[in-house]
Amino acid sequence: MLGREPKDFDVVTDARPEEIRRLFHNARVIGRRFRLVHVRFGREIIEVATFRAIPRDVSEESLPLDGEESEERQEIEDDDTPTEPTDHNIFGSQEEDAVRRDFTVNALYYDIRDFSVMDYVGGTEDLKRGVLRVIGDPELRYREDPVRMLRAVRFAAKLGFKFEEKTAAPIRDLAPLLTTVPPARMFEEVLKLFHGGYALETYELLRHYGLFQHLFPLTEKSLEREEQGFPVTLVPRALANTDARVNEDKTVTPAFLFAAMLWEPVRQLVGEMVARGMNSYDAMFRAADQVLKEQLRHVSIPKRFSVPMREIWGMQDRFERRAGQQAFRLLENKRFRAAYDFLLLRAETGEADRALADWWTHFQTAGDDERRAMTAQMAPASGTGKRKRRRRRRPASVQAPRHE
């Protein structure tokens, strides 16, 4: 309806999960709290939900996010295993299903029988007007599930919509509720926020409504400081680069995203530790530990991403050492490309030396002879430093006798 290609389709029906399973021999009921059906269609899996109603005696806080029941994927291993219905599986009519969804523009149904759009909540008109509006009382809906505030920002940024006044009004005051959301769930939400191709707009809205500080509190605090009178711009530049890669169908990794998000607090802490006399290597190691420990209280970061993050950070100091074989060894490192891209990002903001970034850019494309010449130029000038005395080996003829 907006002239864009949909990311996916949610399939929903009035048939109960058991009925769907009987209709398709290759169907499988999944989920214990919220029952869904996976129907195999060639190599594809079609996830089918049943219309649901909001239970009167159960807080919707325990319901899955609207249109995202697929996150509840605890599989029932035996198709014949009886599943006791619970209050989480109270099914209803199509209209009841629409009312329990979050935003009006996210509660439209496409009827494949006559190719019509069915709208019970005024979503079609809001879509035409470019307005994002919560279904029901916004404050109540946000309290039921604080992640809805993040979804509101994500939809607004993605679609270019404006918030309806009542939808936006409670967000600032209720933003601290995000601290009650499990960090593991927040990790998935952060990826949706920043890996969709509209990360920069999302970031600006998150900060505008006071949500960002509850996702990355140390980053928010570090952004309040200025470098020589200029604001720190690495995060927005990193997000703009991420958007460009997503829109060009290039790969993006959470490791680079989180490395950029947390770099400023890490860098500032390293500076404080070095000023107290600690060497830069130990300072980087300890600063990374402290920052990650604090961050994991808000958004979890799996080790498969936190380990590359540390390597990207640690390699920034190594870029300064270019003499002899050091540059060649660094070039062969499996994290070199990500760390080099990070160096370029730092150079764009003025935090790293542009000449250093240019040197590494040239070094990658140069031939072997030119590379050796480049690294030779980086060697200390003769006589300017202390030479390490080599220990002379005693000639074999005068070696002390061995004792048997």
Protein backbone atom coordinates (compact mmCIF):
# COMPACT_ATOMS: atom_id res chain seq x y z
CA MET A 1 0.00 0.00 0.00
CA LEU A 2 3.03 2.28 0.44
CA GLY A 3 4.66 1.14 -2.78
CA ARG A 4 7.38 -0.80 -0.95
CA GLU A 5 8.25 -4.47 -0.96
CA PRO A 6 7.05 -6.14 2.25
CA LYS A 7 9.69 -7.76 4.44
CA ASP A 8 7.40 -10.73 5.08
CA PHE A 9 3.80 -11.72 5.55
CA ASP A 10 2.02 -12.85 8.71
CA VAL A 11 -0.43 -15.67 7.95
CA VAL A 12 -3.41 -15.86 10.29
CA THR A 13 -6.65 -17.88 10.29
CA ASP A 14 -9.68 -18.75 12.40
CA ALA A 15 -8.62 -22.42 12.33
CA ARG A 16 -7.18 -23.77 15.58
CA PRO A 17 -3.62 -25.14 15.63
CA GLU A 18 -4.85 -28.74 15.86
CA GLU A 19 -7.15 -28.24 12.87
CA ILE A 20 -4.29 -26.81 10.79
CA ARG A 21 -2.08 -29.74 11.72
CA ARG A 22 -4.74 -32.21 10.56
CA LEU A 23 -5.07 -30.38 7.23
CA PHE A 24 -1.35 -30.60 6.39
CA HIS A 25 0.60 -33.81 6.89
CA ASN A 26 3.85 -31.85 7.16
CA ALA A 27 2.57 -29.33 9.72
CA ARG A 28 4.07 -29.03 13.18
CA VAL A 29 2.66 -27.28 16.24
CA ILE A 30 5.25 -25.16 18.02
CA GLY A 31 5.22 -23.09 21.17
CA ARG A 32 3.86 -23.96 24.59
CA ARG A 33 2.83 -20.53 25.82
CA PHE A 34 1.59 -19.38 22.38
CA ARG A 35 0.76 -22.16 19.98
CA LEU A 36 1.58 -21.65 16.29
CA VAL A 37 1.85 -24.02 13.36
CA HIS A 38 4.79 -24.42 10.98
CA VAL A 39 3.67 -25.73 7.60
CA ARG A 40 6.39 -26.78 5.17
CA PHE A 41 5.91 -25.52 1.64
CA GLY A 42 8.82 -26.81 -0.41
CA ARG A 43 11.90 -25.35 1.25
CA GLU A 44 9.88 -22.63 2.92
CA ILE A 45 8.21 -22.78 6.31
CA ILE A 46 4.91 -20.93 6.53
CA GLU A 47 4.17 -19.88 10.10
CA VAL A 48 0.44 -19.80 10.77
CA ALA A 49 -1.22 -18.16 13.77
CA THR A 50 -4.80 -18.37 14.97
CA PHE A 51 -6.88 -15.25 15.68
CA ARG A 52 -6.52 -14.37 19.35
CA ALA A 53 -8.41 -12.30 21.85
CA ILE A 54 -7.01 -10.44 24.85
CA PRO A 55 -7.79 -12.45 28.02
CA ARG A 56 -9.65 -10.40 30.58
CA ASP A 57 -7.90 -11.98 33.54
CA VAL A 58 -4.38 -12.07 32.06
CA SER A 59 -2.18 -9.01 31.63
CA GLU A 60 -1.15 -8.53 28.03
CA GLU A 61 2.35 -8.15 29.36
CA SER A 62 2.53 -11.93 29.06
CA LEU A 63 1.36 -11.94 25.45
CA PRO A 64 3.81 -12.01 22.54
CA LEU A 65 4.48 -8.81 20.66
CA ASP A 66 1.84 -8.22 18.05
CA GLY A 67 2.73 -9.85 14.76
CA GLU A 68 5.87 -11.36 16.27
CA GLU A 69 4.62 -14.60 17.75
CA SER A 70 7.42 -16.34 15.87
CA GLU A 71 9.78 -15.48 18.71
CA GLU A 72 8.00 -18.08 20.82
CA ARG A 73 9.56 -21.17 19.22
CA GLN A 74 9.75 -23.88 21.81
CA GLU A 75 9.00 -26.85 19.62
CA ILE A 76 6.72 -29.70 20.64
CA GLU A 77 8.87 -32.65 19.72
CA ASP A 78 6.07 -35.21 19.55
CA ASP A 79 3.12 -34.22 17.38
CA ASP A 80 0.90 -36.40 19.55
CA THR A 81 1.98 -34.76 22.80
CA PRO A 82 -1.11 -33.20 24.37
CA THR A 83 -0.86 -29.48 24.88
CA GLU A 84 -2.91 -28.13 27.74
CA PRO A 85 -4.61 -24.90 26.69
CA THR A 86 -3.70 -21.96 28.90
CA ASP A 87 -4.91 -18.40 29.21
CA HIS A 88 -2.14 -17.47 26.76
CA ASN A 89 -4.02 -19.35 24.02
CA ILE A 90 -7.43 -17.71 24.17
CA PHE A 91 -8.54 -17.56 20.57
CA GLY A 92 -10.99 -15.04 19.19
CA SER A 93 -12.45 -13.44 16.11
CA GLN A 94 -10.60 -11.49 13.44
CA GLU A 95 -11.83 -8.21 14.91
CA GLU A 96 -10.65 -9.23 18.39
CA ASP A 97 -7.30 -10.18 16.90
CA ALA A 98 -7.01 -6.74 15.29
CA VAL A 99 -7.75 -4.89 18.52
CA ARG A 100 -5.02 -6.71 20.44
CA ARG A 101 -2.33 -5.59 17.98
CA ASP A 102 -0.17 -2.58 18.71
CA PHE A 103 -0.54 0.07 15.98
CA THR A 104 -3.41 0.76 13.62
CA VAL A 105 -1.21 0.51 10.51
CA ASN A 106 0.01 -2.87 11.77
CA ALA A 107 -3.49 -4.31 12.12
CA LEU A 108 -4.65 -4.54 8.51
CA TYR A 109 -5.73 -7.86 7.00
CA TYR A 110 -5.49 -8.87 3.36
CA ASP A 111 -8.21 -11.33 2.40
CA ILE A 112 -6.86 -13.72 -0.25
CA ARG A 113 -10.41 -14.77 -1.24
CA ASP A 114 -11.41 -11.43 -2.74
CA PHE A 115 -8.10 -9.50 -2.47
CA SER A 116 -9.58 -6.90 -0.14
CA VAL A 117 -8.03 -5.09 2.81
CA MET A 118 -9.97 -5.48 6.05
CA ASP A 119 -9.58 -2.68 8.57
CA TYR A 120 -11.18 -2.67 12.03
CA VAL A 121 -9.13 0.12 13.65
CA GLY A 122 -8.76 2.94 11.10
CA GLY A 123 -5.33 1.84 9.97
CA THR A 124 -5.98 2.56 6.29
CA GLU A 125 -6.67 6.23 6.96
CA ASP A 126 -3.62 6.52 9.24
CA LEU A 127 -1.53 4.92 6.52
CA LYS A 128 -2.68 7.53 4.01
CA ARG A 129 -1.98 10.34 6.48
CA GLY A 130 1.41 8.96 7.50
CA VAL A 131 0.43 8.74 11.16
CA LEU A 132 1.52 6.14 13.70
CA ARG A 133 -1.19 5.57 16.30
CA VAL A 134 -1.41 3.06 19.14
CA ILE A 135 -4.56 0.96 19.35
CA GLY A 136 -6.18 1.67 22.71
CA ASP A 137 -4.70 3.72 25.55
CA PRO A 138 -1.00 4.38 24.75
CA GLU A 139 0.19 4.53 28.35
CA LEU A 140 -1.54 1.25 29.19
CA ARG A 141 -0.19 -0.45 26.09
CA TYR A 142 3.38 0.73 26.80
CA ARG A 143 3.14 -0.44 30.40
CA GLU A 144 1.89 -3.84 29.22
CA ASP A 145 5.03 -4.18 27.14
CA PRO A 146 7.69 -1.41 27.21
CA VAL A 147 9.26 -2.76 24.00
CA ARG A 148 6.28 -1.26 22.19
CA MET A 149 7.97 2.12 22.59
CA LEU A 150 10.94 0.81 20.61
CA ARG A 151 8.61 -0.66 18.00
CA ALA A 152 6.89 2.73 17.71
CA VAL A 153 10.22 4.41 16.99
CA ARG A 154 11.22 1.67 14.56
CA PHE A 155 8.00 1.95 12.56
CA ALA A 156 8.12 5.75 12.53
CA ALA A 157 11.72 5.75 11.26
CA LYS A 158 11.13 3.00 8.72
CA LEU A 159 7.92 4.44 7.27
CA GLY A 160 8.73 8.12 7.73
CA PHE A 161 5.54 8.53 9.78
CA LYS A 162 4.75 11.05 12.48
CA PHE A 163 3.51 10.03 15.91
CA GLU A 164 -0.08 10.78 16.76
CA GLU A 165 0.05 13.19 19.72
CA LYS A 166 -1.40 10.77 22.30
CA THR A 167 0.90 7.99 21.07
CA ALA A 168 4.01 10.11 21.65
CA ALA A 169 2.96 11.83 24.88
CA PRO A 170 3.81 9.12 27.47
CA ILE A 171 7.05 7.85 25.93
CA ARG A 172 9.52 10.13 27.75
CA ASP A 173 8.01 9.41 31.15
CA LEU A 174 7.72 5.67 30.56
CA ALA A 175 11.16 5.22 28.93
CA PRO A 176 12.71 3.94 32.23
CA LEU A 177 10.43 0.89 31.96
CA LEU A 178 12.87 -0.45 29.37
CA THR A 179 15.17 -1.37 32.25
CA THR A 180 12.65 -4.09 33.22
CA VAL A 181 13.01 -5.86 29.86
CA PRO A 182 15.39 -8.87 29.86
CA PRO A 183 18.77 -7.97 28.26
CA ALA A 184 18.58 -10.97 25.91
CA ARG A 185 15.33 -9.69 24.44
CA MET A 186 16.80 -6.21 24.14
CA PHE A 187 19.65 -7.58 22.00
CA GLU A 188 17.16 -8.76 19.38
CA GLU A 189 15.33 -5.45 19.50
CA VAL A 190 18.56 -3.46 19.04
CA LEU A 191 19.38 -5.44 15.90
CA LYS A 192 15.92 -4.68 14.51
CA LEU A 193 16.39 -1.01 15.32
CA PHE A 194 19.79 -0.57 13.70
CA HIS A 195 20.07 -3.20 10.98
CA GLY A 196 16.98 -2.29 8.99
CA GLY A 197 18.47 0.38 6.72
CA TYR A 198 17.16 3.37 8.69
CA ALA A 199 19.45 3.27 11.72
CA LEU A 200 20.36 6.96 11.73
CA GLU A 201 16.73 8.13 11.79
CA THR A 202 16.00 5.55 14.47
CA TYR A 203 18.93 6.74 16.59
CA GLU A 204 17.77 10.34 16.41
CA LEU A 205 14.23 9.40 17.47
CA LEU A 206 15.50 7.21 20.31
CA ARG A 207 17.53 10.09 21.71
CA HIS A 208 14.71 12.56 21.15
CA TYR A 209 12.29 10.50 23.23
CA GLY A 210 14.79 9.57 25.95
CA LEU A 211 14.93 5.87 25.04
CA PHE A 212 18.54 5.57 23.90
CA GLN A 213 19.96 6.21 27.38
CA HIS A 214 18.25 3.05 28.64
CA LEU A 215 19.77 0.95 25.86
CA PHE A 216 23.32 2.38 25.96
CA PRO A 217 23.66 4.45 29.15
CA LEU A 218 27.47 4.76 29.02
CA THR A 219 27.31 5.84 25.38
CA GLU A 220 24.66 8.44 26.15
CA LYS A 221 26.83 9.83 28.95
CA SER A 222 29.92 9.95 26.74
CA LEU A 223 28.02 11.80 24.02
CA GLU A 224 27.44 14.68 26.42
CA ARG A 225 31.17 15.44 26.36
CA GLU A 226 32.80 17.41 23.56
CA GLU A 227 36.24 17.08 22.02
CA GLN A 228 37.86 20.50 21.70
CA GLY A 229 34.44 22.12 21.44
CA PHE A 230 33.09 19.67 18.85
CA PRO A 231 30.41 17.02 19.52
CA VAL A 232 31.35 13.35 19.23
CA THR A 233 29.99 12.11 15.90
CA LEU A 234 31.34 8.56 15.58
CA VAL A 235 28.04 6.84 16.44
CA PRO A 236 25.86 8.68 13.89
CA ARG A 237 28.55 8.23 11.22
CA ALA A 238 28.73 4.51 11.99
CA LEU A 239 24.96 4.21 11.70
CA ALA A 240 24.94 6.13 8.42
CA ASN A 241 27.57 3.71 7.07
CA THR A 242 25.49 0.77 8.29
CA ASP A 243 22.44 2.12 6.48
CA ALA A 244 24.46 2.51 3.29
CA ARG A 245 25.68 -1.10 3.48
CA VAL A 246 22.18 -2.46 4.18
CA ASN A 247 20.70 -0.50 1.28
CA GLU A 248 23.46 -1.79 -1.00
CA ASP A 249 22.71 -5.39 0.10
CA LYS A 250 26.11 -5.68 1.76
CA THR A 251 26.65 -7.67 4.93
CA VAL A 252 26.57 -6.01 8.34
CA THR A 253 27.64 -7.51 11.63
CA PRO A 254 26.44 -6.76 15.16
CA ALA A 255 30.08 -6.81 16.28
CA PHE A 256 30.87 -3.65 14.30
CA LEU A 257 27.63 -1.97 15.42
CA PHE A 258 28.30 -2.57 19.11
CA ALA A 259 31.99 -1.72 18.73
CA ALA A 260 30.98 1.68 17.39
CA MET A 261 28.25 2.19 19.99
CA LEU A 262 30.59 1.51 22.92
CA TRP A 263 33.87 2.91 21.56
CA GLU A 264 33.55 6.36 23.11
CA PRO A 265 33.08 5.16 26.70
CA VAL A 266 35.91 2.65 26.18
CA ARG A 267 38.22 5.31 24.73
CA GLN A 268 37.49 7.77 27.51
CA LEU A 269 38.11 5.16 30.18
CA VAL A 270 41.37 4.11 28.51
CA GLY A 271 42.51 7.76 28.58
CA GLU A 272 41.77 8.00 32.30
CA MET A 273 43.68 4.80 33.06
CA VAL A 274 46.70 5.81 30.97
CA ALA A 275 46.75 9.18 32.72
CA ARG A 276 47.05 7.27 36.02
CA GLY A 277 50.13 5.45 34.73
CA MET A 278 48.75 2.25 33.23
CA ASN A 279 50.16 1.12 29.87
CA SER A 280 47.80 1.39 26.90
CA TYR A 281 47.51 -2.38 26.35
CA ASP A 282 46.36 -3.13 29.90
CA ALA A 283 44.16 -0.04 29.90
CA MET A 284 42.34 -1.18 26.78
CA PHE A 285 41.81 -4.67 28.23
CA ARG A 286 40.42 -3.38 31.52
CA ALA A 287 38.33 -0.61 29.98
CA ALA A 288 36.70 -3.09 27.60
CA ASP A 289 35.92 -5.38 30.53
CA GLN A 290 34.31 -2.62 32.57
CA VAL A 291 32.26 -1.16 29.73
CA LEU A 292 31.00 -4.55 28.55
CA LYS A 293 30.11 -5.61 32.09
CA GLU A 294 27.94 -2.52 32.50
CA GLN A 295 26.42 -2.81 29.01
CA LEU A 296 25.36 -6.43 29.57
CA ARG A 297 23.04 -5.24 32.33
CA HIS A 298 20.96 -3.48 29.67
CA VAL A 299 21.54 -5.26 26.35
CA SER A 300 23.16 -8.67 26.20
CA ILE A 301 25.90 -9.23 23.61
CA PRO A 302 26.71 -12.86 22.75
CA LYS A 303 30.39 -13.81 22.89
CA ARG A 304 30.44 -14.46 19.15
CA PHE A 305 30.10 -10.69 18.82
CA SER A 306 31.82 -9.38 21.97
CA VAL A 307 35.08 -11.19 21.16
CA PRO A 308 35.42 -9.56 17.68
CA MET A 309 34.50 -6.24 19.29
CA ARG A 310 37.45 -6.48 21.65
CA GLU A 311 39.75 -7.38 18.76
CA ILE A 312 38.56 -4.40 16.71
CA TRP A 313 39.22 -2.09 19.65
CA GLY A 314 42.59 -3.64 20.49
CA MET A 315 43.87 -3.36 16.92
CA GLN A 316 43.36 0.40 16.81
CA ASP A 317 46.55 0.97 18.80
CA ARG A 318 48.45 -1.54 16.65
CA PHE A 319 47.79 0.54 13.53
CA GLU A 320 50.33 3.02 14.88
CA ARG A 321 53.08 0.39 14.77
CA ARG A 322 54.08 0.01 11.14
CA ALA A 323 57.82 -0.70 11.15
CA GLY A 324 59.40 -3.96 10.02
CA GLN A 325 57.10 -6.97 9.97
CA GLN A 326 54.48 -5.47 12.28
CA ALA A 327 52.42 -4.02 9.43
CA PHE A 328 52.56 -7.30 7.47
CA ARG A 329 51.41 -9.32 10.50
CA LEU A 330 48.56 -6.95 11.15
CA LEU A 331 47.46 -7.12 7.52
CA GLU A 332 47.15 -10.92 7.82
CA ASN A 333 44.95 -10.72 10.93
CA LYS A 334 41.45 -12.10 10.32
CA ARG A 335 39.92 -8.99 11.90
CA PHE A 336 42.01 -6.59 9.86
CA ARG A 337 39.23 -5.48 7.51
CA ALA A 338 36.75 -4.73 10.28
CA ALA A 339 39.42 -2.95 12.33
CA TYR A 340 40.57 -0.98 9.27
CA ASP A 341 37.00 0.11 8.53
CA PHE A 342 36.77 1.21 12.16
CA LEU A 343 39.99 3.21 11.75
CA LEU A 344 38.50 4.95 8.71
CA LEU A 345 35.42 5.78 10.75
CA ARG A 346 37.58 7.29 13.49
CA ALA A 347 39.53 9.29 10.90
CA GLU A 348 36.29 10.67 9.44
CA THR A 349 35.36 12.10 12.84
CA GLY A 350 38.84 13.57 13.40
CA GLU A 351 39.51 11.28 16.35
CA ALA A 352 42.22 9.32 14.47
CA ASP A 353 44.96 10.70 12.23
CA ARG A 354 43.78 10.90 8.62
CA ALA A 355 47.37 10.38 7.41
CA LEU A 356 47.47 7.08 9.34
CA ALA A 357 44.27 5.88 7.67
CA ASP A 358 45.58 6.92 4.26
CA TRP A 359 48.84 5.04 4.89
CA TRP A 360 46.94 1.80 5.57
CA THR A 361 44.69 2.36 2.58
CA HIS A 362 47.76 2.67 0.33
CA PHE A 363 49.59 -0.21 2.03
CA GLN A 364 46.82 -2.68 1.13
CA THR A 365 47.04 -1.95 -2.60
CA ALA A 366 50.81 -1.50 -2.88
CA GLY A 367 53.14 -4.15 -4.29
CA ASP A 368 55.59 -6.10 -2.15
CA ASP A 369 58.56 -3.86 -2.89
CA GLU A 370 56.62 -0.72 -2.15
CA ARG A 371 55.25 -2.21 1.06
CA ARG A 372 58.77 -3.00 2.27
CA ALA A 373 59.83 0.53 1.43
CA MET A 374 56.84 1.95 3.32
CA THR A 375 57.57 -0.06 6.44
CA ALA A 376 61.28 0.77 6.25
CA GLN A 377 60.41 4.45 6.40
CA MET A 378 58.55 3.80 9.64
CA ALA A 379 61.66 2.34 11.34
CA PRO A 380 63.36 4.56 13.96
CA ALA A 381 66.23 6.66 12.59
CA SER A 382 69.69 5.16 13.17
CA GLY A 383 71.23 6.18 16.45
CA THR A 384 68.08 7.74 17.85
CA GLY A 385 67.20 4.90 20.13
CA LYS A 386 68.93 2.48 22.43
CA ARG A 387 70.18 -0.62 20.69
CA LYS A 388 69.59 -3.88 22.42
CA ARG A 389 72.91 -5.63 23.11
CA ARG A 390 73.07 -9.09 21.64
CA ARG A 391 74.36 -11.80 23.89
CA ARG A 392 77.43 -13.37 22.36
CA ARG A 393 77.50 -17.13 22.22
CA ARG A 394 80.61 -18.79 23.58
CA PRO A 395 82.54 -20.72 20.93
CA ALA A 396 82.08 -24.44 21.16
CA SER A 397 85.80 -24.97 21.77
CA VAL A 398 85.71 -23.03 25.00
CA GLN A 399 82.32 -24.07 26.31
CA ALA A 400 82.29 -25.38 29.85
CA PRO A 401 82.35 -29.19 30.04
CA ARG A 402 79.03 -30.91 30.53
CA HIS A 403 78.56 -32.93 33.71
CA GLU A 404 77.26 -36.41 33.17
